[in-house]
Amino acid sequence: MPAKPLAPSKRWFDLIVAGLGLLLLSPLLLLISLAIKLTSRGPIFYIRPRVGRDGHEFPFYKFRTMVLNAEGQGLGIEVAHNDQRITRVGQWLRRWSFDELPQLLNVVRGEMSLIGPRPSLPEQVARYTPDQRQRLAVRPGITGWAQVNGRNDIDWAARIQLDCWYIEHWSWRLDRLILWRTIGAILRPVGIYGRDGVAKDLRSK
C-alpha cells in the first residue's frame, strides 16, 4: 500500500516549519555552537551517515555532545546516563534534546521529516528483517511515534513495530498528537538512556 506520510502537504509543512525554526532559533544555535567550541576539543557538529527513505544514506547532523572519537571508547555507539564520554555542555544538550536541532537542516534538505521513524545506522539497517524494512518507506523524523511511546525504554523490535504502525495509520491528527507528546517528553525527559541506564544498539538484547 502507498505510504501516506509521503503526501506533498506533509513535505510542505516540514519545509515551512523547519525553515522558520532555523531562522527563529539561529541565536540559540549560535550560542550552543560557541559553548561546544569553547568547552571541548573537536568539531561543533557530529556528522555520521544514516539511512533514510528507500535505503538511501545521508549525512545526519547533531550537535556534538561527546569527546572526540567517542565511538572507539567505552560502550561504542551505546551511551550510558553517567557516560564519562559526554561533555558538560553535552549533558545539558541531551537533557533538553537540543542536540537534535541541527536536523532541521536535514528536514529542509528533504532527507528527513519533522515526524517519522528515527534514522538508523547503515549497520543497523543491515540487520532488519524484511518486515522491518517497511520502516524505510518514508523519510525518517526528528521525533516519532516510537519516541513518544517509550523511546529507549523499549527494545528495538518494539520501536520498529511502532514506527511501522505509524506508517500504516498516518494522519494529520496523529502527527499533531506526536508533536504534543514530544513537548511533554522534552519537559519530562524519560527514556533518554533506557530502563537500565544505557541507550542500546540494535544488536543488544
Protein backbone atom coordinates (compact mmCIF):
# COMPACT_ATOMS: atom_id res chain seq x y z
CA MET A 1 0.00 0.00 0.00
CA PRO A 2 1.30 3.56 -0.66
CA ALA A 3 2.82 5.30 2.32
CA LYS A 4 0.51 8.19 3.20
CA PRO A 5 3.22 10.09 5.12
CA LEU A 6 4.69 10.91 1.69
CA ALA A 7 1.78 13.29 0.97
CA PRO A 8 3.01 16.55 -0.64
CA SER A 9 1.25 18.56 2.07
CA LYS A 10 3.41 16.90 4.73
CA ARG A 11 6.55 17.88 2.84
CA TRP A 12 5.40 21.49 2.56
CA PHE A 13 4.61 21.54 6.28
CA ASP A 14 8.08 20.18 7.05
CA LEU A 15 9.77 22.74 4.80
CA ILE A 16 7.92 25.74 6.23
CA VAL A 17 8.24 24.77 9.90
CA ALA A 18 11.89 23.68 9.64
CA GLY A 19 12.83 26.81 7.69
CA LEU A 20 11.15 29.08 10.21
CA GLY A 21 12.68 27.06 13.04
CA LEU A 22 16.20 27.56 11.71
CA LEU A 23 15.57 31.28 11.32
CA LEU A 24 13.97 31.87 14.72
CA LEU A 25 16.35 29.60 16.62
CA SER A 26 19.50 30.95 14.96
CA PRO A 27 20.61 32.91 18.09
CA LEU A 28 20.26 29.76 20.22
CA LEU A 29 22.07 27.66 17.62
CA LEU A 30 24.93 30.17 17.62
CA LEU A 31 25.19 30.17 21.42
CA ILE A 32 25.23 26.36 21.52
CA SER A 33 27.91 26.29 18.83
CA LEU A 34 30.09 28.69 20.80
CA ALA A 35 29.58 26.73 24.03
CA ILE A 36 30.67 23.48 22.37
CA LYS A 37 33.70 25.06 20.72
CA LEU A 38 34.87 26.84 23.86
CA THR A 39 34.47 23.95 26.30
CA SER A 40 35.74 20.86 24.47
CA ARG A 41 38.18 19.93 21.76
CA GLY A 42 36.70 18.91 18.43
CA PRO A 43 34.09 19.95 15.87
CA ILE A 44 30.79 21.60 16.72
CA PHE A 45 28.73 19.05 14.82
CA TYR A 46 28.59 15.29 14.94
CA ILE A 47 28.00 14.14 11.36
CA ARG A 48 27.55 10.47 10.53
CA PRO A 49 25.71 8.57 7.77
CA ARG A 50 22.17 7.44 8.48
CA VAL A 51 19.73 5.53 6.31
CA GLY A 52 16.69 7.37 5.01
CA ARG A 53 13.80 6.75 2.68
CA ASP A 54 14.19 3.77 0.34
CA GLY A 55 17.52 2.89 1.95
CA HIS A 56 19.40 5.98 0.75
CA GLU A 57 22.16 7.19 3.06
CA PHE A 58 22.53 10.84 4.02
CA PRO A 59 24.73 12.95 6.36
CA PHE A 60 22.93 13.16 9.71
CA TYR A 61 23.57 16.29 11.79
CA LYS A 62 23.66 16.65 15.56
CA PHE A 63 25.45 18.95 17.94
CA ARG A 64 28.45 17.07 19.31
CA THR A 65 27.81 16.01 22.91
CA MET A 66 30.73 13.64 23.45
CA VAL A 67 34.51 13.74 23.37
CA LEU A 68 36.44 13.15 20.17
CA ASN A 69 36.50 9.56 18.88
CA ALA A 70 33.89 8.54 21.46
CA GLU A 71 32.68 5.59 19.38
CA GLY A 72 36.11 3.99 19.74
CA GLN A 73 35.94 4.18 23.53
CA GLY A 74 33.81 2.75 26.32
CA LEU A 75 30.45 1.41 25.16
CA GLY A 76 30.98 2.30 21.50
CA ILE A 77 27.76 3.57 19.94
CA GLU A 78 25.81 2.72 23.10
CA VAL A 79 25.53 5.53 25.66
CA ALA A 80 25.01 5.38 29.42
CA HIS A 81 23.39 8.09 31.54
CA ASN A 82 26.63 8.54 33.51
CA ASP A 83 28.87 8.10 30.47
CA GLN A 84 32.25 9.75 31.02
CA ARG A 85 32.50 10.50 27.30
CA ILE A 86 29.65 13.04 27.47
CA THR A 87 30.88 16.62 27.82
CA ARG A 88 29.47 19.12 30.31
CA VAL A 89 27.67 21.02 27.56
CA GLY A 90 26.63 17.68 26.07
CA GLN A 91 24.82 16.68 29.26
CA TRP A 92 22.71 19.82 29.05
CA LEU A 93 22.05 19.42 25.33
CA ARG A 94 20.92 15.82 25.78
CA ARG A 95 18.71 16.74 28.75
CA TRP A 96 16.68 19.13 26.60
CA SER A 97 17.17 17.32 23.25
CA PHE A 98 18.86 20.44 21.86
CA ASP A 99 21.50 18.23 20.26
CA GLU A 100 18.86 17.26 17.69
CA LEU A 101 18.20 20.83 16.47
CA PRO A 102 20.66 20.69 13.53
CA GLN A 103 18.40 18.05 11.99
CA LEU A 104 16.12 20.92 10.97
CA LEU A 105 18.69 21.33 8.18
CA ASN A 106 18.18 17.68 7.22
CA VAL A 107 14.45 18.42 7.01
CA VAL A 108 14.96 21.46 4.77
CA ARG A 109 17.24 19.39 2.52
CA GLY A 110 14.50 16.78 2.14
CA GLU A 111 16.42 13.98 3.85
CA MET A 112 14.20 13.93 6.93
CA SER A 113 10.74 14.89 8.12
CA LEU A 114 9.76 16.55 11.37
CA ILE A 115 7.86 13.38 12.29
CA GLY A 116 8.72 9.84 11.30
CA PRO A 117 10.85 6.85 12.33
CA ARG A 118 14.22 7.83 13.76
CA PRO A 119 17.01 7.18 11.22
CA SER A 120 19.24 4.18 11.83
CA LEU A 121 22.90 3.49 11.13
CA PRO A 122 23.67 1.50 7.96
CA GLU A 123 24.92 -1.45 10.02
CA GLN A 124 21.66 -1.47 11.98
CA VAL A 125 19.55 -1.43 8.83
CA ALA A 126 21.58 -4.38 7.54
CA ARG A 127 20.13 -6.39 10.44
CA TYR A 128 16.49 -5.51 9.68
CA THR A 129 14.13 -8.33 8.81
CA PRO A 130 12.14 -7.98 5.56
CA ASP A 131 9.08 -6.81 7.54
CA GLN A 132 11.12 -4.24 9.45
CA ARG A 133 12.34 -2.68 6.21
CA GLN A 134 8.88 -1.11 5.90
CA ARG A 135 10.37 1.48 8.25
CA LEU A 136 12.38 2.77 5.27
CA ALA A 137 9.29 3.56 3.18
CA VAL A 138 9.14 7.16 4.44
CA ARG A 139 11.52 9.95 5.41
CA PRO A 140 12.92 9.48 8.92
CA GLY A 141 11.91 12.03 11.53
CA ILE A 142 13.30 14.21 14.29
CA THR A 143 10.58 12.78 16.52
CA GLY A 144 8.19 9.91 16.01
CA TRP A 145 5.59 7.52 17.38
CA ALA A 146 8.20 5.27 18.99
CA GLN A 147 9.92 8.31 20.52
CA VAL A 148 6.79 9.35 22.40
CA ASN A 149 5.88 5.79 23.40
CA GLY A 150 8.91 4.71 25.34
CA ARG A 151 11.93 5.90 23.38
CA ASN A 152 14.94 3.92 24.64
CA ASP A 153 12.89 2.32 27.43
CA ILE A 154 11.54 -0.16 24.86
CA ASP A 155 13.59 -2.60 22.82
CA TRP A 156 14.42 -2.17 19.15
CA ALA A 157 11.83 -4.67 17.92
CA ALA A 158 9.06 -2.76 19.71
CA ARG A 159 10.34 0.58 18.40
CA ILE A 160 10.38 -0.64 14.82
CA GLN A 161 6.91 -2.14 15.25
CA LEU A 162 5.58 1.21 16.49
CA ASP A 163 7.19 3.00 13.55
CA CYS A 164 5.62 0.60 11.06
CA TRP A 165 2.25 1.13 12.75
CA TYR A 166 2.70 4.89 12.32
CA ILE A 167 3.35 4.47 8.59
CA GLU A 168 0.22 2.35 8.16
CA HIS A 169 -2.03 4.64 10.22
CA TRP A 170 -0.62 8.07 9.40
CA SER A 171 -2.91 11.09 9.64
CA TRP A 172 -2.52 14.77 10.42
CA ARG A 173 -4.29 14.12 13.71
CA LEU A 174 -1.66 11.52 14.62
CA ASP A 175 1.15 13.92 13.72
CA ARG A 176 -0.39 16.61 15.93
CA LEU A 177 -0.58 14.11 18.79
CA ILE A 178 3.08 13.20 18.34
CA LEU A 179 4.12 16.86 18.36
CA TRP A 180 2.14 17.48 21.54
CA ARG A 181 3.61 14.42 23.25
CA THR A 182 7.09 15.41 22.11
CA ILE A 183 6.81 18.66 24.06
CA GLY A 184 5.87 16.66 27.15
CA ALA A 185 8.75 14.24 26.60
CA ILE A 186 11.23 17.13 26.42
CA LEU A 187 9.89 18.76 29.59
CA ARG A 188 9.82 15.42 31.42
CA PRO A 189 12.76 13.53 29.91
CA VAL A 190 12.05 9.82 30.21
CA GLY A 191 13.73 7.07 28.24
CA ILE A 192 16.80 9.00 27.12
CA TYR A 193 19.12 6.23 28.29
CA GLY A 194 16.78 3.24 28.65
CA ARG A 195 15.41 1.46 31.71
CA ASP A 196 18.82 0.19 32.79
CA GLY A 197 20.58 3.48 32.07
CA VAL A 198 22.02 2.53 28.68
CA ALA A 199 20.75 3.51 25.21
CA LYS A 200 21.45 0.25 23.39
CA ASP A 201 22.37 -0.73 19.87
CA LEU A 202 20.04 -2.84 17.72
CA ARG A 203 22.10 -6.00 18.23
CA SER A 204 21.91 -5.79 22.03
CA LYS A 205 19.35 -7.78 23.98
